[in-house]
Amino acid sequence: MQLTEYLRKRLKKRKILLMTHAVVGYPSLEDNWKMLEAMGEADVDLVELQMPFSEPTADGPLFVKANQEALRNGIKWKDYFELMQCASEKFDFPVLMMGYCNTAFTMGFREYCEKISKHGGKGFIIPDLPYEEFGELFDHSLELGLDPIMLCTPTNKEERLQRICSNGRGLIYCVARKGVTGKSTVLEQSTEEFLQQCRKFSGLPLALGFGLSKPEDLHMLHGKAEIAIVGTALLKTWETEGDAAYRRHLNSLAEARE
């Protein structure tokens, strides 16, 4: 089942879907698996697995630390793809590759797409690659049935926003505000107007990310976006309060989809 079809099927039962995130190798691969098990138990709808990179320019301080610590822990491509394959085989949610362009370029765009497909991934998110440079990746992903996820930001002018959205596949990742991940986002009228503008240019499900953290954020997005993305807030809960609190936080978000 293609990603868009899967999302629309899930949306028949829920007012909004939940997409979560893990930095592979942080705090450890064992902890990653516990997080994924909690996501499976909460029946999350979609998961980003991030391949650590030394200069994660779209990420805030917590994710920067997570990337750096994972690399210091010796995380390798082999570890990443083994976890992706295990997750795709064990859980019902689709898995997306999230990483930065340098890693895809170093591997080679063809091999990058082949490895994602071979290990059960459904698509990829490369936040530092402008859509004008996606040509080769578009070709390979189309051939292999992967969805390259396009990012839109509130700073995009209308003409550029239209071009980005028209090239989207799977879903459109809408960035809630300027800046990097982690900082809390206040959902204002301008956010709703931004989502309406994205919807004007794409019929794909809209996902809103950067700064969402609590059930109230999901409730406020009902009828405005199809997917809420929560990453930093969950990792912060894991770090400060541990596994049990992480599961409670995750379940509270999952319950807010209805």
Protein backbone atom coordinates (compact mmCIF):
# COMPACT_ATOMS: atom_id res chain seq x y z
CA MET A 1 0.00 0.00 0.00
CA GLN A 2 1.38 3.41 -0.96
CA LEU A 3 1.92 5.94 1.81
CA THR A 4 -0.83 8.38 0.79
CA GLU A 5 -3.36 5.56 0.49
CA TYR A 6 -2.37 4.25 3.92
CA LEU A 7 -2.72 7.71 5.50
CA ARG A 8 -6.15 8.32 3.98
CA LYS A 9 -7.33 4.95 5.22
CA ARG A 10 -6.18 5.81 8.75
CA LEU A 11 -7.89 9.20 8.53
CA LYS A 12 -11.26 7.51 8.10
CA LYS A 13 -11.03 6.53 11.78
CA ARG A 14 -9.15 9.50 13.24
CA LYS A 15 -9.41 13.27 13.14
CA ILE A 16 -5.64 13.60 12.93
CA LEU A 17 -2.70 11.20 12.73
CA LEU A 18 0.44 11.10 14.86
CA MET A 19 3.96 10.93 13.46
CA THR A 20 6.84 10.36 15.88
CA HIS A 21 10.62 10.36 15.68
CA ALA A 22 13.73 8.61 16.95
CA VAL A 23 17.41 9.42 16.47
CA VAL A 24 18.97 6.05 15.76
CA GLY A 25 21.71 5.23 18.24
CA TYR A 26 20.59 7.71 20.90
CA PRO A 27 20.54 7.12 23.77
CA SER A 28 21.29 3.60 22.45
CA LEU A 29 19.93 1.12 19.93
CA GLU A 30 18.34 -0.77 22.84
CA ASP A 31 16.55 2.40 23.94
CA ASN A 32 15.47 3.03 20.34
CA TRP A 33 13.81 -0.37 20.31
CA LYS A 34 11.99 0.36 23.58
CA MET A 35 10.77 3.64 22.06
CA LEU A 36 9.55 1.81 18.95
CA GLU A 37 7.76 -0.78 21.06
CA ALA A 38 6.01 2.05 22.92
CA MET A 39 5.06 3.61 19.58
CA GLY A 40 3.68 0.28 18.42
CA GLU A 41 1.64 -0.14 21.60
CA ALA A 42 0.25 3.39 21.17
CA ASP A 43 -0.59 2.57 17.54
CA VAL A 44 1.17 5.66 16.18
CA ASP A 45 0.54 6.22 12.51
CA LEU A 46 3.98 7.00 11.10
CA VAL A 47 7.59 7.09 12.35
CA GLU A 48 10.71 8.99 11.26
CA LEU A 49 14.00 7.23 11.92
CA GLN A 50 16.83 9.75 11.82
CA MET A 51 20.29 8.77 10.64
CA PRO A 52 22.70 10.83 12.79
CA PHE A 53 24.77 13.51 11.08
CA SER A 54 27.50 15.79 12.45
CA GLU A 55 25.81 19.04 11.34
CA PRO A 56 22.03 18.58 11.60
CA THR A 57 21.13 22.12 10.55
CA ALA A 58 17.35 21.80 10.94
CA ASP A 59 17.60 20.47 14.49
CA GLY A 60 17.56 22.23 17.82
CA PRO A 61 19.93 21.67 20.77
CA LEU A 62 18.47 18.38 22.04
CA PHE A 63 18.52 16.69 18.63
CA VAL A 64 21.97 18.14 17.89
CA LYS A 65 23.21 16.51 21.09
CA ALA A 66 21.43 13.27 20.18
CA ASN A 67 23.06 13.23 16.74
CA GLN A 68 26.51 13.91 18.15
CA GLU A 69 26.20 11.33 20.93
CA ALA A 70 24.94 8.67 18.51
CA LEU A 71 27.96 9.27 16.27
CA ARG A 72 30.28 9.12 19.29
CA ASN A 73 28.61 5.84 20.20
CA GLY A 74 29.78 4.53 16.82
CA ILE A 75 26.45 4.23 15.00
CA LYS A 76 26.93 2.94 11.45
CA TRP A 77 24.78 2.68 8.35
CA LYS A 78 24.55 -1.07 8.99
CA ASP A 79 23.07 -0.44 12.45
CA TYR A 80 20.62 2.08 11.05
CA PHE A 81 19.28 -0.15 8.31
CA GLU A 82 19.09 -3.20 10.56
CA LEU A 83 16.88 -1.21 12.94
CA MET A 84 14.77 0.07 10.03
CA GLN A 85 14.23 -3.47 8.77
CA CYS A 86 13.36 -4.84 12.21
CA ALA A 87 10.89 -2.00 12.77
CA SER A 88 9.25 -2.36 9.37
CA GLU A 89 8.82 -6.10 9.91
CA LYS A 90 7.61 -5.90 13.52
CA PHE A 91 5.27 -2.90 13.57
CA ASP A 92 2.24 -1.77 11.58
CA PHE A 93 3.37 1.84 11.16
CA PRO A 94 5.32 2.87 8.02
CA VAL A 95 8.89 4.02 8.56
CA LEU A 96 10.47 7.05 6.88
CA MET A 97 14.19 7.69 6.55
CA MET A 98 15.15 11.11 7.90
CA GLY A 99 18.64 12.44 7.36
CA TYR A 100 20.78 15.11 5.76
CA CYS A 101 21.91 15.40 2.17
CA ASN A 102 25.60 14.78 2.82
CA THR A 103 24.93 11.22 3.94
CA ALA A 104 22.76 10.44 0.91
CA PHE A 105 25.30 12.06 -1.42
CA THR A 106 28.18 10.13 0.14
CA MET A 107 26.35 6.83 -0.24
CA GLY A 108 25.16 7.71 -3.73
CA PHE A 109 21.55 8.62 -4.44
CA ARG A 110 20.78 5.34 -6.20
CA GLU A 111 22.19 3.16 -3.42
CA TYR A 112 20.53 5.38 -0.81
CA CYS A 113 17.11 4.73 -2.32
CA GLU A 114 17.83 1.05 -2.85
CA LYS A 115 18.82 0.54 0.78
CA ILE A 116 15.72 2.33 2.10
CA SER A 117 13.50 0.21 -0.12
CA LYS A 118 15.31 -3.04 0.68
CA HIS A 119 15.01 -2.47 4.42
CA GLY A 120 11.31 -1.62 4.45
CA GLY A 121 11.31 2.18 4.43
CA LYS A 122 8.45 3.93 2.63
CA GLY A 123 10.12 7.26 1.87
CA PHE A 124 12.65 9.82 3.04
CA ILE A 125 12.95 13.34 4.41
CA ILE A 126 16.06 15.41 3.61
CA PRO A 127 15.48 18.85 5.20
CA ASP A 128 18.61 20.54 3.83
CA LEU A 129 18.09 19.56 0.19
CA PRO A 130 16.12 22.13 -1.86
CA TYR A 131 13.54 20.61 -4.17
CA GLU A 132 15.45 21.93 -7.22
CA GLU A 133 18.19 19.42 -6.37
CA PHE A 134 15.88 16.43 -5.97
CA GLY A 135 15.94 15.44 -9.65
CA GLU A 136 18.01 12.24 -9.40
CA LEU A 137 16.38 11.27 -6.11
CA PHE A 138 12.94 11.75 -7.64
CA ASP A 139 13.86 9.41 -10.47
CA HIS A 140 15.23 6.66 -8.22
CA SER A 141 12.44 6.94 -5.66
CA LEU A 142 9.75 6.71 -8.33
CA GLU A 143 11.36 3.58 -9.74
CA LEU A 144 11.58 1.97 -6.29
CA GLY A 145 8.17 3.04 -4.99
CA LEU A 146 9.49 5.46 -2.36
CA ASP A 147 8.02 8.84 -1.45
CA PRO A 148 10.40 11.82 -1.22
CA ILE A 149 8.78 14.09 1.38
CA MET A 150 8.84 17.80 0.53
CA LEU A 151 9.17 20.47 3.23
CA CYS A 152 7.29 23.77 3.09
CA THR A 153 7.99 26.70 5.39
CA PRO A 154 6.11 29.91 6.24
CA THR A 155 8.91 31.87 4.57
CA ASN A 156 8.29 30.31 1.14
CA LYS A 157 6.81 32.76 -1.32
CA GLU A 158 3.60 31.61 -2.99
CA GLU A 159 5.19 30.74 -6.32
CA ARG A 160 7.87 28.61 -4.69
CA LEU A 161 5.37 27.01 -2.34
CA GLN A 162 3.31 25.97 -5.33
CA ARG A 163 6.34 24.39 -7.02
CA ILE A 164 7.33 22.49 -3.87
CA CYS A 165 3.82 21.19 -3.25
CA SER A 166 3.34 20.15 -6.85
CA ASN A 167 6.43 17.93 -6.56
CA GLY A 168 5.31 16.35 -3.28
CA ARG A 169 4.57 12.67 -2.83
CA GLY A 170 3.21 10.76 0.14
CA LEU A 171 2.55 13.82 2.31
CA ILE A 172 3.60 17.45 2.60
CA TYR A 173 5.72 18.31 5.64
CA CYS A 174 4.71 21.79 6.78
CA VAL A 175 7.19 23.52 9.09
CA ALA A 176 5.22 25.41 11.73
CA ARG A 177 7.62 28.32 12.17
CA LYS A 178 11.06 29.74 11.43
CA GLY A 179 14.06 28.19 13.14
CA VAL A 180 14.98 24.68 14.23
CA THR A 181 13.25 21.80 15.97
CA GLY A 182 12.59 21.80 19.69
CA LYS A 183 11.34 25.28 20.52
CA SER A 184 7.66 25.27 21.50
CA THR A 185 5.25 26.39 18.83
CA VAL A 186 2.21 28.53 19.50
CA LEU A 187 -0.48 27.65 17.00
CA GLU A 188 -1.70 31.00 15.76
CA GLN A 189 -3.92 32.30 12.97
CA SER A 190 -0.82 32.62 10.78
CA THR A 191 -0.17 28.88 11.14
CA GLU A 192 -3.69 28.07 10.01
CA GLU A 193 -3.34 30.46 7.06
CA PHE A 194 -0.05 28.79 6.11
CA LEU A 195 -1.70 25.36 6.15
CA GLN A 196 -4.56 26.68 4.03
CA GLN A 197 -2.04 28.01 1.52
CA CYS A 198 -0.28 24.62 1.33
CA ARG A 199 -3.63 22.88 0.87
CA LYS A 200 -4.42 25.17 -2.04
CA PHE A 201 -1.44 23.72 -3.90
CA SER A 202 -1.61 20.06 -2.88
CA GLY A 203 -4.21 17.39 -2.31
CA LEU A 204 -1.78 15.31 -0.25
CA PRO A 205 -2.15 14.95 3.54
CA LEU A 206 -0.54 17.86 5.38
CA ALA A 207 1.78 17.15 8.30
CA LEU A 208 2.70 19.94 10.73
CA GLY A 209 5.93 19.74 12.69
CA PHE A 210 8.50 21.76 14.68
CA GLY A 211 7.51 22.45 18.29
CA LEU A 212 4.37 20.37 18.82
CA SER A 213 4.45 18.71 22.22
CA LYS A 214 1.13 18.13 23.94
CA PRO A 215 -2.36 16.71 23.33
CA GLU A 216 -3.83 20.22 23.12
CA ASP A 217 -1.66 20.86 20.05
CA LEU A 218 -3.24 17.89 18.29
CA HIS A 219 -6.76 18.99 19.30
CA MET A 220 -6.11 22.46 17.86
CA LEU A 221 -5.05 20.89 14.55
CA HIS A 222 -8.22 18.86 14.06
CA GLY A 223 -9.67 19.91 10.71
CA LYS A 224 -6.58 21.96 9.84
CA ALA A 225 -3.92 19.32 9.16
CA GLU A 226 -3.94 15.57 8.71
CA ILE A 227 -0.78 14.70 10.67
CA ALA A 228 0.87 16.11 13.80
CA ILE A 229 4.62 15.50 14.14
CA VAL A 230 6.05 15.22 17.66
CA GLY A 231 9.75 14.53 18.13
CA THR A 232 11.79 16.67 20.52
CA ALA A 233 9.15 16.77 23.25
CA LEU A 234 9.02 12.99 23.47
CA LEU A 235 12.79 12.63 23.57
CA LYS A 236 12.92 15.28 26.30
CA THR A 237 10.44 13.25 28.35
CA TRP A 238 12.55 10.12 27.86
CA GLU A 239 15.66 11.94 29.04
CA THR A 240 14.18 13.70 32.04
CA GLU A 241 11.57 11.23 33.29
CA GLY A 242 12.34 7.84 31.74
CA ASP A 243 10.57 5.03 29.91
CA ALA A 244 7.29 4.98 31.85
CA ALA A 245 6.74 8.74 31.49
CA TYR A 246 7.62 8.51 27.80
CA ARG A 247 4.88 5.92 27.33
CA ARG A 248 2.36 8.06 29.21
CA HIS A 249 3.27 11.10 27.09
CA LEU A 250 3.02 9.07 23.91
CA ASN A 251 -0.35 7.59 24.88
CA SER A 252 -1.73 11.03 25.75
CA LEU A 253 -0.80 12.22 22.27
CA ALA A 254 -2.29 9.12 20.67
CA GLU A 255 -5.58 9.63 22.52
CA ALA A 256 -5.76 13.22 21.21
CA ARG A 257 -6.22 11.95 17.64
CA GLU A 258 -9.89 11.21 18.24
